[in-house]
Amino acid sequence: MKRIKHRDLTHYFLEDHRRLPRAYVASCKRFFKEIEQREGIKFAGKFKPEAGAPSAKLQAPSALKKTQ
């Protein structure tokens, strides 16, 4: 794998963590932990786009289940 630039999170989200350098993964985890503490945001483990990211957007009315 080619060299990963400092502060580049692209590989953290796109690559399997087992294929990445341990120091890089540890650095990313420290970065996310710092954000959690500073901003009060909680990241749930390994975030992968294909896992279906939670969205803050409201659902369309047609997508909501109607109860009677």
Protein backbone atom coordinates (compact mmCIF):
# COMPACT_ATOMS: atom_id res chain seq x y z
CA MET A 1 0.00 0.00 0.00
CA LYS A 2 1.25 3.48 -0.78
CA ARG A 3 2.10 5.95 1.95
CA ILE A 4 -0.89 7.48 3.75
CA LYS A 5 -0.82 11.24 4.15
CA HIS A 6 -1.01 12.78 7.62
CA ARG A 7 -4.60 13.56 8.68
CA ASP A 8 -6.10 11.67 5.73
CA LEU A 9 -9.10 9.62 6.94
CA THR A 10 -10.04 8.28 3.51
CA HIS A 11 -8.31 4.94 3.96
CA TYR A 12 -9.84 4.47 7.43
CA PHE A 13 -13.31 4.45 5.90
CA LEU A 14 -12.58 2.67 2.63
CA GLU A 15 -10.09 -0.06 3.54
CA ASP A 16 -10.29 -3.04 5.84
CA HIS A 17 -8.56 -2.08 9.09
CA ARG A 18 -6.53 -5.31 9.05
CA ARG A 19 -4.81 -4.12 5.85
CA LEU A 20 -3.86 -0.71 7.29
CA PRO A 21 -0.82 0.12 9.42
CA ARG A 22 -1.56 -0.26 13.15
CA ALA A 23 -0.18 3.20 13.92
CA TYR A 24 -2.53 4.76 11.36
CA VAL A 25 -5.62 3.01 12.78
CA ALA A 26 -4.59 3.95 16.33
CA SER A 27 -4.11 7.59 15.27
CA CYS A 28 -7.57 7.68 13.68
CA LYS A 29 -9.15 6.17 16.79
CA ARG A 30 -7.44 8.80 18.98
CA PHE A 31 -8.75 11.50 16.63
CA PHE A 32 -12.35 10.22 16.87
CA LYS A 33 -12.07 9.87 20.65
CA GLU A 34 -10.89 13.49 20.87
CA ILE A 35 -13.92 14.62 18.85
CA GLU A 36 -16.24 12.56 21.08
CA GLN A 37 -14.87 14.23 24.20
CA ARG A 38 -14.77 17.75 22.78
CA GLU A 39 -18.07 17.79 20.86
CA GLY A 40 -20.11 15.17 22.72
CA ILE A 41 -20.58 13.11 19.53
CA LYS A 42 -20.57 9.31 19.83
CA PHE A 43 -19.08 7.20 17.07
CA ALA A 44 -20.25 3.58 17.21
CA GLY A 45 -17.22 1.43 16.52
CA LYS A 46 -15.91 1.03 13.00
CA PHE A 47 -17.90 3.20 10.64
CA LYS A 48 -18.23 1.75 7.15
CA PRO A 49 -20.36 3.40 4.44
CA GLU A 50 -21.69 0.07 3.20
CA ALA A 51 -22.99 -0.72 6.70
CA GLY A 52 -25.67 1.95 6.31
CA ALA A 53 -24.80 5.19 8.02
CA PRO A 54 -27.42 6.57 10.37
CA SER A 55 -28.93 9.73 9.00
CA ALA A 56 -30.34 12.76 10.78
CA LYS A 57 -32.63 13.43 7.82
CA LEU A 58 -36.34 12.91 8.26
CA GLN A 59 -38.01 10.08 6.39
CA ALA A 60 -40.37 10.86 3.54
CA PRO A 61 -44.04 10.55 4.59
CA SER A 62 -44.53 7.65 2.18
CA ALA A 63 -41.70 5.73 3.88
CA LEU A 64 -43.22 5.99 7.35
CA LYS A 65 -45.33 3.11 8.62
CA LYS A 66 -48.93 4.20 9.14
CA THR A 67 -50.72 2.91 12.24
CA GLN A 68 -54.47 2.70 12.53
